[in-house]
């Protein structure tokens, strides 16, 4: 048995592709001065934290340096 499908006019399908709503969204509220200051403070804190971690982490990653003082154990000093 054949299923009967309703034909959809091509013009209706083409119009549905470019349908735009006529309802405009409300305008966005502007950020207050305190919100802008808070956002910039958080950003500066993040950048300072990354810079500090790089500053303190690079000497630990430097493998070419030899220790400036000799590392001798106490057992070898008591002979």
C-alpha atoms as a PDB file:
ATOM      1  CA  UNK A   1       0.000   0.000   0.000  1.00  0.00           C
ATOM      2  CA  UNK A   2       1.162   3.484  -0.749  1.00  0.00           C
ATOM      3  CA  UNK A   3       1.578   6.137   1.869  1.00  0.00           C
ATOM      4  CA  UNK A   4       0.053   9.405   0.901  1.00  0.00           C
ATOM      5  CA  UNK A   5       2.207  12.429   1.750  1.00  0.00           C
ATOM      6  CA  UNK A   6       1.031  15.962   1.506  1.00  0.00           C
ATOM      7  CA  UNK A   7       3.054  18.043  -0.897  1.00  0.00           C
ATOM      8  CA  UNK A   8       4.678  21.115   0.562  1.00  0.00           C
ATOM      9  CA  UNK A   9       4.808  24.064  -1.800  1.00  0.00           C
ATOM     10  CA  UNK A  10       8.369  25.041  -2.652  1.00  0.00           C
ATOM     11  CA  UNK A  11       7.743  28.728  -1.981  1.00  0.00           C
ATOM     12  CA  UNK A  12       6.772  27.960   1.618  1.00  0.00           C
ATOM     13  CA  UNK A  13      10.027  26.033   2.215  1.00  0.00           C
ATOM     14  CA  UNK A  14      12.103  28.800   0.627  1.00  0.00           C
ATOM     15  CA  UNK A  15      10.446  31.453   2.790  1.00  0.00           C
ATOM     16  CA  UNK A  16      11.077  29.480   5.963  1.00  0.00           C
ATOM     17  CA  UNK A  17      14.831  29.624   5.301  1.00  0.00           C
ATOM     18  CA  UNK A  18      14.952  33.398   5.467  1.00  0.00           C
ATOM     19  CA  UNK A  19      12.265  34.082   8.060  1.00  0.00           C
ATOM     20  CA  UNK A  20      13.158  36.856  10.475  1.00  0.00           C
ATOM     21  CA  UNK A  21      11.265  37.776  13.574  1.00  0.00           C
ATOM     22  CA  UNK A  22       9.883  41.270  13.808  1.00  0.00           C
ATOM     23  CA  UNK A  23      10.404  41.321  17.585  1.00  0.00           C
ATOM     24  CA  UNK A  24      13.565  43.202  18.488  1.00  0.00           C
ATOM     25  CA  UNK A  25      15.393  42.209  21.673  1.00  0.00           C
ATOM     26  CA  UNK A  26      15.717  44.823  24.401  1.00  0.00           C
ATOM     27  CA  UNK A  27      18.916  46.882  24.339  1.00  0.00           C
ATOM     28  CA  UNK A  28      21.806  45.623  26.454  1.00  0.00           C
ATOM     29  CA  UNK A  29      22.500  47.446  29.677  1.00  0.00           C
ATOM     30  CA  UNK A  30      25.794  49.275  29.837  1.00  0.00           C
ATOM     31  CA  UNK A  31      28.249  48.036  32.434  1.00  0.00           C
ATOM     32  CA  UNK A  32      28.634  50.335  35.397  1.00  0.00           C
ATOM     33  CA  UNK A  33      31.966  51.798  36.457  1.00  0.00           C
ATOM     34  CA  UNK A  34      32.259  49.365  39.351  1.00  0.00           C
ATOM     35  CA  UNK A  35      31.630  46.395  37.041  1.00  0.00           C
ATOM     36  CA  UNK A  36      34.291  47.605  34.606  1.00  0.00           C
ATOM     37  CA  UNK A  37      36.742  48.135  37.463  1.00  0.00           C
ATOM     38  CA  UNK A  38      36.040  44.661  38.814  1.00  0.00           C
ATOM     39  CA  UNK A  39      36.525  43.026  35.435  1.00  0.00           C
ATOM     40  CA  UNK A  40      39.808  44.833  34.853  1.00  0.00           C
ATOM     41  CA  UNK A  41      41.005  43.940  38.362  1.00  0.00           C
ATOM     42  CA  UNK A  42      40.259  40.263  37.769  1.00  0.00           C
ATOM     43  CA  UNK A  43      42.073  40.411  34.429  1.00  0.00           C
ATOM     44  CA  UNK A  44      45.109  42.098  35.945  1.00  0.00           C
ATOM     45  CA  UNK A  45      45.183  39.533  38.757  1.00  0.00           C
ATOM     46  CA  UNK A  46      45.165  36.671  36.266  1.00  0.00           C
ATOM     47  CA  UNK A  47      47.936  38.222  34.176  1.00  0.00           C
ATOM     48  CA  UNK A  48      50.031  38.939  37.282  1.00  0.00           C
ATOM     49  CA  UNK A  49      49.567  35.354  38.470  1.00  0.00           C
ATOM     50  CA  UNK A  50      50.713  33.945  35.145  1.00  0.00           C
ATOM     51  CA  UNK A  51      53.724  36.272  35.076  1.00  0.00           C
ATOM     52  CA  UNK A  52      54.670  35.355  38.643  1.00  0.00           C
ATOM     53  CA  UNK A  53      54.392  31.636  37.950  1.00  0.00           C
ATOM     54  CA  UNK A  54      56.651  32.075  34.937  1.00  0.00           C
ATOM     55  CA  UNK A  55      59.101  34.165  36.961  1.00  0.00           C
ATOM     56  CA  UNK A  56      59.349  31.619  39.764  1.00  0.00           C
ATOM     57  CA  UNK A  57      59.082  28.543  37.554  1.00  0.00           C
ATOM     58  CA  UNK A  58      61.811  29.269  35.017  1.00  0.00           C
ATOM     59  CA  UNK A  59      64.755  28.874  37.445  1.00  0.00           C
ATOM     60  CA  UNK A  60      63.417  25.483  38.510  1.00  0.00           C
ATOM     61  CA  UNK A  61      63.289  24.346  34.878  1.00  0.00           C
ATOM     62  CA  UNK A  62      66.882  25.431  34.158  1.00  0.00           C
ATOM     63  CA  UNK A  63      68.826  22.115  34.085  1.00  0.00           C
ATOM     64  CA  UNK A  64      72.209  23.467  32.895  1.00  0.00           C
ATOM     65  CA  UNK A  65      73.184  25.175  36.134  1.00  0.00           C
ATOM     66  CA  UNK A  66      75.427  23.434  38.600  1.00  0.00           C
ATOM     67  CA  UNK A  67      75.019  24.067  42.315  1.00  0.00           C
ATOM     68  CA  UNK A  68      77.329  26.813  43.595  1.00  0.00           C
ATOM     69  CA  UNK A  69      78.092  25.040  46.889  1.00  0.00           C
ATOM     70  CA  UNK A  70      79.194  21.437  47.181  1.00  0.00           C
ATOM     71  CA  UNK A  71      76.611  19.064  48.504  1.00  0.00           C
ATOM     72  CA  UNK A  72      78.383  16.738  50.858  1.00  0.00           C
ATOM     73  CA  UNK A  73      76.634  14.616  53.375  1.00  0.00           C
ATOM     74  CA  UNK A  74      77.410  14.735  57.099  1.00  0.00           C
ATOM     75  CA  UNK A  75      78.576  11.117  57.024  1.00  0.00           C
ATOM     76  CA  UNK A  76      81.421  11.900  54.623  1.00  0.00           C
ATOM     77  CA  UNK A  77      82.546  14.861  56.778  1.00  0.00           C
ATOM     78  CA  UNK A  78      83.045  12.755  59.925  1.00  0.00           C
ATOM     79  CA  UNK A  79      85.835  10.470  58.607  1.00  0.00           C
END
